[in-house]
C-alpha atoms as a PDB file:
ATOM      1  CA  MET A   1     165.331 215.843 261.782  1.00  0.00           C
ATOM      2  CA  GLU A   2     161.814 215.529 260.378  1.00  0.00           C
ATOM      3  CA  ASN A   3     160.440 218.391 258.313  1.00  0.00           C
ATOM      4  CA  LYS A   4     157.929 220.283 260.415  1.00  0.00           C
ATOM      5  CA  LEU A   5     154.767 221.514 258.719  1.00  0.00           C
ATOM      6  CA  TYR A   6     153.426 224.945 259.596  1.00  0.00           C
ATOM      7  CA  GLY A   7     149.941 226.301 259.102  1.00  0.00           C
ATOM      8  CA  ALA A   8     147.382 223.882 260.537  1.00  0.00           C
ATOM      9  CA  VAL A   9     144.607 225.990 259.019  1.00  0.00           C
ATOM     10  CA  LEU A  10     146.067 225.434 255.554  1.00  0.00           C
ATOM     11  CA  LEU A  11     146.003 221.682 256.093  1.00  0.00           C
ATOM     12  CA  LYS A  12     142.366 221.859 257.191  1.00  0.00           C
ATOM     13  CA  ALA A  13     141.526 224.016 254.176  1.00  0.00           C
ATOM     14  CA  ARG A  14     143.137 221.347 251.985  1.00  0.00           C
ATOM     15  CA  GLN A  15     140.903 218.693 253.585  1.00  0.00           C
ATOM     16  CA  ILE A  16     137.827 220.783 252.826  1.00  0.00           C
ATOM     17  CA  LEU A  17     138.861 221.440 249.222  1.00  0.00           C
ATOM     18  CA  ASP A  18     139.710 217.766 248.678  1.00  0.00           C
ATOM     19  CA  TYR A  19     136.289 216.727 249.942  1.00  0.00           C
ATOM     20  CA  ILE A  20     134.472 219.248 247.738  1.00  0.00           C
ATOM     21  CA  ALA A  21     136.517 218.129 244.721  1.00  0.00           C
ATOM     22  CA  SER A  22     135.803 214.420 245.247  1.00  0.00           C
ATOM     23  CA  ALA A  23     132.132 214.649 246.291  1.00  0.00           C
ATOM     24  CA  SER A  24     129.608 213.343 243.755  1.00  0.00           C
ATOM     25  CA  GLU A  25     127.333 216.277 244.644  1.00  0.00           C
ATOM     26  CA  ALA A  26     128.293 219.695 245.964  1.00  0.00           C
ATOM     27  CA  PRO A  27     128.254 219.423 249.788  1.00  0.00           C
ATOM     28  CA  THR A  28     126.620 221.719 252.303  1.00  0.00           C
ATOM     29  CA  LEU A  29     128.203 222.971 255.513  1.00  0.00           C
ATOM     30  CA  ARG A  30     126.282 220.298 257.396  1.00  0.00           C
ATOM     31  CA  GLU A  31     127.691 217.506 255.220  1.00  0.00           C
ATOM     32  CA  LEU A  32     131.224 218.833 255.581  1.00  0.00           C
ATOM     33  CA  ASP A  33     130.742 218.908 259.345  1.00  0.00           C
ATOM     34  CA  GLU A  34     129.520 215.296 259.330  1.00  0.00           C
ATOM     35  CA  GLN A  35     132.298 213.968 257.097  1.00  0.00           C
ATOM     36  CA  LEU A  36     135.375 215.868 258.272  1.00  0.00           C
ATOM     37  CA  ASP A  37     137.151 215.710 261.593  1.00  0.00           C
ATOM     38  CA  ILE A  38     137.062 219.496 261.912  1.00  0.00           C
ATOM     39  CA  SER A  39     134.732 221.526 264.112  1.00  0.00           C
ATOM     40  CA  LYS A  40     131.776 223.165 262.392  1.00  0.00           C
ATOM     41  CA  PRO A  41     132.763 226.741 263.411  1.00  0.00           C
ATOM     42  CA  THR A  42     136.256 226.176 262.003  1.00  0.00           C
ATOM     43  CA  ILE A  43     134.878 224.760 258.746  1.00  0.00           C
ATOM     44  CA  TYR A  44     132.585 227.774 258.407  1.00  0.00           C
ATOM     45  CA  LYS A  45     135.404 230.278 258.986  1.00  0.00           C
ATOM     46  CA  ILE A  46     137.675 228.515 256.506  1.00  0.00           C
ATOM     47  CA  LEU A  47     134.889 228.372 253.907  1.00  0.00           C
ATOM     48  CA  LYS A  48     134.264 232.105 254.248  1.00  0.00           C
ATOM     49  CA  THR A  49     137.966 232.776 253.680  1.00  0.00           C
ATOM     50  CA  LEU A  50     138.113 230.375 250.739  1.00  0.00           C
ATOM     51  CA  GLU A  51     135.055 232.041 249.237  1.00  0.00           C
ATOM     52  CA  TYR A  52     136.647 235.479 249.639  1.00  0.00           C
ATOM     53  CA  CYS A  53     139.775 234.214 247.832  1.00  0.00           C
ATOM     54  CA  GLY A  54     137.727 232.643 245.036  1.00  0.00           C
ATOM     55  CA  TYR A  55     138.671 229.075 245.930  1.00  0.00           C
ATOM     56  CA  VAL A  56     135.054 228.073 246.562  1.00  0.00           C
ATOM     57  CA  ARG A  57     131.701 229.424 245.488  1.00  0.00           C
ATOM     58  CA  VAL A  58     128.300 228.994 247.151  1.00  0.00           C
ATOM     59  CA  GLU A  59     125.088 228.361 245.241  1.00  0.00           C
ATOM     60  CA  GLY A  60     121.440 227.634 246.059  1.00  0.00           C
ATOM     61  CA  GLU A  61     119.203 228.231 249.033  1.00  0.00           C
ATOM     62  CA  ASP A  62     120.785 225.293 250.861  1.00  0.00           C
ATOM     63  CA  LYS A  63     124.232 226.785 250.222  1.00  0.00           C
ATOM     64  CA  HIS A  64     126.069 224.053 248.372  1.00  0.00           C
ATOM     65  CA  TYR A  65     129.817 224.543 248.034  1.00  0.00           C
ATOM     66  CA  TYR A  66     131.660 224.183 244.714  1.00  0.00           C
ATOM     67  CA  LEU A  67     135.292 224.689 243.770  1.00  0.00           C
ATOM     68  CA  GLY A  68     135.948 228.181 242.441  1.00  0.00           C
ATOM     69  CA  THR A  69     136.753 228.860 238.806  1.00  0.00           C
ATOM     70  CA  ILE A  70     140.155 230.183 239.852  1.00  0.00           C
ATOM     71  CA  PHE A  71     141.307 226.554 239.786  1.00  0.00           C
ATOM     72  CA  LEU A  72     140.789 226.588 236.014  1.00  0.00           C
ATOM     73  CA  GLN A  73     143.406 229.337 235.804  1.00  0.00           C
ATOM     74  CA  TYR A  74     145.762 227.335 237.988  1.00  0.00           C
ATOM     75  CA  ALA A  75     145.173 224.204 235.904  1.00  0.00           C
ATOM     76  CA  GLN A  76     146.011 226.093 232.718  1.00  0.00           C
ATOM     77  CA  ALA A  77     149.184 227.442 234.304  1.00  0.00           C
ATOM     78  CA  VAL A  78     150.205 223.902 235.292  1.00  0.00           C
ATOM     79  CA  ASN A  79     149.516 222.627 231.777  1.00  0.00           C
ATOM     80  CA  ASN A  80     151.558 225.438 230.273  1.00  0.00           C
ATOM     81  CA  SER A  81     154.554 224.628 232.465  1.00  0.00           C
ATOM     82  CA  PHE A  82     154.236 220.842 232.296  1.00  0.00           C
ATOM     83  CA  ASN A  83     156.428 218.991 229.824  1.00  0.00           C
ATOM     84  CA  ILE A  84     155.538 215.296 229.692  1.00  0.00           C
ATOM     85  CA  GLU A  85     158.241 214.700 227.085  1.00  0.00           C
ATOM     86  CA  GLU A  86     160.959 216.032 229.382  1.00  0.00           C
ATOM     87  CA  ILE A  87     159.710 213.962 232.323  1.00  0.00           C
ATOM     88  CA  ALA A  88     159.251 210.731 230.366  1.00  0.00           C
ATOM     89  CA  LYS A  89     162.310 210.825 228.106  1.00  0.00           C
ATOM     90  CA  PRO A  90     164.948 209.293 230.446  1.00  0.00           C
ATOM     91  CA  TYR A  91     162.628 206.398 231.302  1.00  0.00           C
ATOM     92  CA  LEU A  92     161.667 205.844 227.669  1.00  0.00           C
ATOM     93  CA  LYS A  93     165.345 205.841 226.716  1.00  0.00           C
ATOM     94  CA  GLU A  94     165.940 203.107 229.309  1.00  0.00           C
ATOM     95  CA  LEU A  95     163.047 201.165 227.798  1.00  0.00           C
ATOM     96  CA  ARG A  96     164.394 201.582 224.255  1.00  0.00           C
ATOM     97  CA  ASP A  97     167.822 200.358 225.365  1.00  0.00           C
ATOM     98  CA  ALA A  98     166.338 197.399 227.264  1.00  0.00           C
ATOM     99  CA  THR A  99     164.110 196.253 224.385  1.00  0.00           C
ATOM    100  CA  ASN A 100     166.294 197.407 221.490  1.00  0.00           C
ATOM    101  CA  GLU A 101     163.059 198.421 219.771  1.00  0.00           C
ATOM    102  CA  THR A 102     161.518 201.783 218.873  1.00  0.00           C
ATOM    103  CA  VAL A 103     159.696 203.560 221.710  1.00  0.00           C
ATOM    104  CA  ASN A 104     157.128 206.289 221.001  1.00  0.00           C
ATOM    105  CA  LEU A 105     155.493 208.953 223.169  1.00  0.00           C
ATOM    106  CA  GLY A 106     152.164 210.447 222.151  1.00  0.00           C
ATOM    107  CA  ILE A 107     149.567 212.901 223.399  1.00  0.00           C
ATOM    108  CA  ILE A 108     145.846 213.041 222.706  1.00  0.00           C
ATOM    109  CA  GLU A 109     144.585 215.842 220.498  1.00  0.00           C
ATOM    110  CA  GLY A 110     140.858 215.695 219.874  1.00  0.00           C
ATOM    111  CA  LYS A 111     140.185 212.143 218.713  1.00  0.00           C
ATOM    112  CA  SER A 112     143.714 211.451 217.494  1.00  0.00           C
ATOM    113  CA  VAL A 113     147.114 210.520 218.895  1.00  0.00           C
ATOM    114  CA  VAL A 114     149.893 212.955 218.027  1.00  0.00           C
ATOM    115  CA  LEU A 115     153.424 211.533 218.019  1.00  0.00           C
ATOM    116  CA  LEU A 116     155.391 213.744 220.393  1.00  0.00           C
ATOM    117  CA  SER A 117     158.679 211.862 220.627  1.00  0.00           C
ATOM    118  CA  LYS A 118     160.307 208.837 219.023  1.00  0.00           C
ATOM    119  CA  LEU A 119     163.352 206.928 220.238  1.00  0.00           C
ATOM    120  CA  GLU A 120     164.558 204.809 217.343  1.00  0.00           C
ATOM    121  CA  SER A 121     165.608 201.194 217.643  1.00  0.00           C
ATOM    122  CA  THR A 122     169.279 200.503 217.033  1.00  0.00           C
ATOM    123  CA  ASN A 123     168.213 197.571 214.858  1.00  0.00           C
ATOM    124  CA  SER A 124     168.694 198.150 211.162  1.00  0.00           C
ATOM    125  CA  ILE A 125     165.011 198.263 210.191  1.00  0.00           C
ATOM    126  CA  LYS A 126     163.342 201.621 210.882  1.00  0.00           C
ATOM    127  CA  LEU A 127     159.599 202.053 211.333  1.00  0.00           C
ATOM    128  CA  VAL A 128     157.864 204.742 209.298  1.00  0.00           C
ATOM    129  CA  SER A 129     156.444 207.493 211.526  1.00  0.00           C
ATOM    130  CA  TYR A 130     157.260 211.133 212.146  1.00  0.00           C
ATOM    131  CA  ILE A 131     157.100 213.628 214.995  1.00  0.00           C
ATOM    132  CA  GLY A 132     153.836 215.564 214.866  1.00  0.00           C
ATOM    133  CA  GLY A 133     152.126 212.861 212.834  1.00  0.00           C
ATOM    134  CA  LYS A 134     148.592 211.846 213.810  1.00  0.00           C
ATOM    135  CA  MET A 135     147.155 208.364 214.300  1.00  0.00           C
ATOM    136  CA  HIS A 136     143.639 207.102 214.896  1.00  0.00           C
ATOM    137  CA  MET A 137     143.013 206.165 218.502  1.00  0.00           C
ATOM    138  CA  TYR A 138     141.028 203.049 217.535  1.00  0.00           C
ATOM    139  CA  SER A 139     143.878 201.587 215.465  1.00  0.00           C
ATOM    140  CA  SER A 140     146.981 202.543 217.458  1.00  0.00           C
ATOM    141  CA  ALA A 141     148.385 201.007 220.641  1.00  0.00           C
ATOM    142  CA  MET A 142     148.747 204.390 222.337  1.00  0.00           C
ATOM    143  CA  GLY A 143     145.227 205.405 221.363  1.00  0.00           C
ATOM    144  CA  LYS A 144     143.610 202.196 222.574  1.00  0.00           C
ATOM    145  CA  ALA A 145     145.585 202.337 225.830  1.00  0.00           C
ATOM    146  CA  VAL A 146     144.050 205.756 226.527  1.00  0.00           C
ATOM    147  CA  LEU A 147     140.564 204.818 225.309  1.00  0.00           C
ATOM    148  CA  ALA A 148     140.578 201.923 227.779  1.00  0.00           C
ATOM    149  CA  THR A 149     140.817 204.467 230.621  1.00  0.00           C
ATOM    150  CA  TYR A 150     137.743 206.411 229.444  1.00  0.00           C
ATOM    151  CA  ASN A 151     134.436 206.185 231.281  1.00  0.00           C
ATOM    152  CA  ASP A 152     131.159 205.507 229.445  1.00  0.00           C
ATOM    153  CA  LYS A 153     130.468 209.192 228.816  1.00  0.00           C
ATOM    154  CA  GLN A 154     133.941 209.849 227.420  1.00  0.00           C
ATOM    155  CA  LEU A 155     133.735 206.777 225.188  1.00  0.00           C
ATOM    156  CA  SER A 156     130.322 207.829 223.914  1.00  0.00           C
ATOM    157  CA  GLU A 157     131.669 211.281 223.055  1.00  0.00           C
ATOM    158  CA  TYR A 158     134.664 209.731 221.296  1.00  0.00           C
ATOM    159  CA  LEU A 159     132.543 207.339 219.239  1.00  0.00           C
ATOM    160  CA  THR A 160     130.159 210.083 218.119  1.00  0.00           C
ATOM    161  CA  GLY A 161     131.038 210.930 214.540  1.00  0.00           C
ATOM    162  CA  ILE A 162     133.896 208.415 214.266  1.00  0.00           C
ATOM    163  CA  THR A 163     134.326 206.785 210.853  1.00  0.00           C
ATOM    164  CA  PHE A 164     136.404 203.624 210.997  1.00  0.00           C
ATOM    165  CA  GLU A 165     139.057 203.506 208.286  1.00  0.00           C
ATOM    166  CA  LYS A 166     140.531 200.144 207.332  1.00  0.00           C
ATOM    167  CA  LEU A 167     144.300 200.749 207.387  1.00  0.00           C
ATOM    168  CA  THR A 168     145.275 197.067 207.301  1.00  0.00           C
ATOM    169  CA  ALA A 169     143.422 193.771 207.111  1.00  0.00           C
ATOM    170  CA  LYS A 170     143.412 193.679 210.932  1.00  0.00           C
ATOM    171  CA  THR A 171     142.216 197.232 211.665  1.00  0.00           C
ATOM    172  CA  ILE A 172     139.171 197.397 213.947  1.00  0.00           C
ATOM    173  CA  ASP A 173     136.327 198.674 211.785  1.00  0.00           C
ATOM    174  CA  ASN A 174     133.264 198.780 214.020  1.00  0.00           C
ATOM    175  CA  GLU A 175     132.183 200.027 217.435  1.00  0.00           C
ATOM    176  CA  GLN A 176     131.398 196.651 219.010  1.00  0.00           C
ATOM    177  CA  GLU A 177     134.774 195.183 218.081  1.00  0.00           C
ATOM    178  CA  LEU A 178     136.495 198.242 219.541  1.00  0.00           C
ATOM    179  CA  LEU A 179     134.559 198.026 222.823  1.00  0.00           C
ATOM    180  CA  THR A 180     135.424 194.329 223.135  1.00  0.00           C
ATOM    181  CA  ASN A 181     139.082 195.128 222.499  1.00  0.00           C
ATOM    182  CA  LEU A 182     139.039 197.898 225.117  1.00  0.00           C
ATOM    183  CA  ASN A 183     137.575 195.514 227.704  1.00  0.00           C
ATOM    184  CA  GLU A 184     140.485 193.158 227.038  1.00  0.00           C
ATOM    185  CA  THR A 185     142.915 196.070 227.309  1.00  0.00           C
ATOM    186  CA  ARG A 186     141.507 197.088 230.704  1.00  0.00           C
ATOM    187  CA  ALA A 187     141.726 193.524 231.984  1.00  0.00           C
ATOM    188  CA  GLN A 188     145.360 193.026 230.986  1.00  0.00           C
ATOM    189  CA  GLY A 189     146.583 196.571 231.717  1.00  0.00           C
ATOM    190  CA  TYR A 190     148.099 197.330 228.302  1.00  0.00           C
ATOM    191  CA  SER A 191     146.971 197.579 224.686  1.00  0.00           C
ATOM    192  CA  ILE A 192     148.010 195.695 221.570  1.00  0.00           C
ATOM    193  CA  ASP A 193     148.236 196.974 218.016  1.00  0.00           C
ATOM    194  CA  ASP A 194     148.549 193.667 216.177  1.00  0.00           C
ATOM    195  CA  VAL A 195     149.405 195.061 212.739  1.00  0.00           C
ATOM    196  CA  GLU A 196     146.277 197.246 212.896  1.00  0.00           C
ATOM    197  CA  ASN A 197     147.730 200.698 212.256  1.00  0.00           C
ATOM    198  CA  GLN A 198     150.607 200.038 209.869  1.00  0.00           C
ATOM    199  CA  PRO A 199     151.386 196.953 207.761  1.00  0.00           C
ATOM    200  CA  GLY A 200     153.974 194.701 209.361  1.00  0.00           C
ATOM    201  CA  VAL A 201     154.214 196.668 212.639  1.00  0.00           C
ATOM    202  CA  TYR A 202     153.308 195.280 216.077  1.00  0.00           C
ATOM    203  CA  CYS A 203     152.984 197.603 219.103  1.00  0.00           C
ATOM    204  CA  LEU A 204     152.306 197.431 222.831  1.00  0.00           C
ATOM    205  CA  GLY A 205     150.732 200.529 224.405  1.00  0.00           C
ATOM    206  CA  PHE A 206     150.668 201.961 227.931  1.00  0.00           C
ATOM    207  CA  ALA A 207     148.535 204.898 229.075  1.00  0.00           C
ATOM    208  CA  LEU A 208     149.882 207.732 231.215  1.00  0.00           C
ATOM    209  CA  VAL A 209     146.885 208.673 233.344  1.00  0.00           C
ATOM    210  CA  LYS A 210     147.119 210.000 236.889  1.00  0.00           C
ATOM    211  CA  ASN A 211     144.483 211.468 239.198  1.00  0.00           C
ATOM    212  CA  GLY A 212     141.974 211.450 236.362  1.00  0.00           C
ATOM    213  CA  HIS A 213     144.213 213.443 234.008  1.00  0.00           C
ATOM    214  CA  THR A 214     145.458 211.973 230.734  1.00  0.00           C
ATOM    215  CA  PHE A 215     149.050 213.003 230.060  1.00  0.00           C
ATOM    216  CA  GLY A 216     149.429 210.771 227.004  1.00  0.00           C
ATOM    217  CA  ALA A 217     150.703 207.272 226.300  1.00  0.00           C
ATOM    218  CA  PHE A 218     153.782 205.457 225.055  1.00  0.00           C
ATOM    219  CA  SER A 219     154.333 202.369 222.956  1.00  0.00           C
ATOM    220  CA  ILE A 220     156.953 199.811 222.045  1.00  0.00           C
ATOM    221  CA  SER A 221     156.978 199.224 218.277  1.00  0.00           C
ATOM    222  CA  THR A 222     158.622 196.366 216.442  1.00  0.00           C
ATOM    223  CA  PRO A 223     158.386 194.662 213.062  1.00  0.00           C
ATOM    224  CA  GLU A 224     155.837 191.871 213.388  1.00  0.00           C
ATOM    225  CA  TYR A 225     158.357 189.146 212.566  1.00  0.00           C
ATOM    226  CA  ARG A 226     160.550 190.112 215.548  1.00  0.00           C
ATOM    227  CA  MET A 227     157.747 189.584 218.088  1.00  0.00           C
ATOM    228  CA  ASP A 228     157.058 186.255 219.798  1.00  0.00           C
ATOM    229  CA  ASP A 229     155.313 185.213 223.027  1.00  0.00           C
ATOM    230  CA  LYS A 230     158.481 185.249 225.124  1.00  0.00           C
ATOM    231  CA  LYS A 231     159.509 188.684 223.892  1.00  0.00           C
ATOM    232  CA  LYS A 232     155.968 190.010 224.340  1.00  0.00           C
ATOM    233  CA  GLU A 233     155.922 188.907 227.985  1.00  0.00           C
ATOM    234  CA  GLN A 234     159.298 190.559 228.559  1.00  0.00           C
ATOM    235  CA  PHE A 235     158.262 193.794 226.823  1.00  0.00           C
ATOM    236  CA  VAL A 236     154.976 194.013 228.739  1.00  0.00           C
ATOM    237  CA  LYS A 237     156.835 193.723 232.039  1.00  0.00           C
ATOM    238  CA  LEU A 238     159.379 196.363 231.018  1.00  0.00           C
ATOM    239  CA  GLY A 239     156.623 198.617 229.679  1.00  0.00           C
ATOM    240  CA  GLN A 240     154.604 198.437 232.887  1.00  0.00           C
ATOM    241  CA  GLN A 241     157.702 199.167 234.962  1.00  0.00           C
ATOM    242  CA  THR A 242     158.404 202.203 232.779  1.00  0.00           C
ATOM    243  CA  GLN A 243     154.777 203.305 233.055  1.00  0.00           C
ATOM    244  CA  GLN A 244     155.001 203.263 236.850  1.00  0.00           C
ATOM    245  CA  LYS A 245     158.302 205.159 236.870  1.00  0.00           C
ATOM    246  CA  ILE A 246     156.857 207.936 234.703  1.00  0.00           C
ATOM    247  CA  LEU A 247     153.653 208.181 236.745  1.00  0.00           C
ATOM    248  CA  ASN A 248     155.696 208.383 239.944  1.00  0.00           C
ATOM    249  CA  ALA A 249     157.708 211.231 238.413  1.00  0.00           C
ATOM    250  CA  ILE A 250     154.634 213.225 237.377  1.00  0.00           C
END
């Protein structure tokens, strides 16, 4: 038996809120009436109720509708209860076992990547990194994977005040080189740290971004000498499959 949904008004209210949230400019009642398959009197009644509850606010003589600030409280509550490490860990463990290389999970804090979790390779050589450690976004696979998802405004804000530090001979050390690298990352769907963040270490990075929210990123790390074209192709495929599994679970 199919699950039956109750509360048609709630579904219509959701349509209205979704439209307000996605509109480039705050809509008026007239625009909502033109764009939604809901009668104008019904839209008006729902808006009045949403306004009373704090879910929308009205501003200006033309009465433009905005989402209410109560959603900021809800967003904070979601963030407080959301554990990306717990959600991602089983999939990252599968990836570690499939590649037999170290898999890392990081989150963005300011203009840095913070290592949240690390699943060590069973190979004898261990890579030097520690939980809670910070990395530059411009030099790390996880950081560049996330930067490649930024829009122009976000990138401009990130680049403001950034001082490029040369960590290895291959570290990106200027804005233009970084922007070129990010364009390549967007085109291919994953990032590469080709011995740019740590001597002798090669990484592939995958961003965890859904519905405009950045949850973090993960990477596959291996000593440079263990990476070749065939293995890279295999790891990229496995990484993208893992990325999709995690995003589906979020």
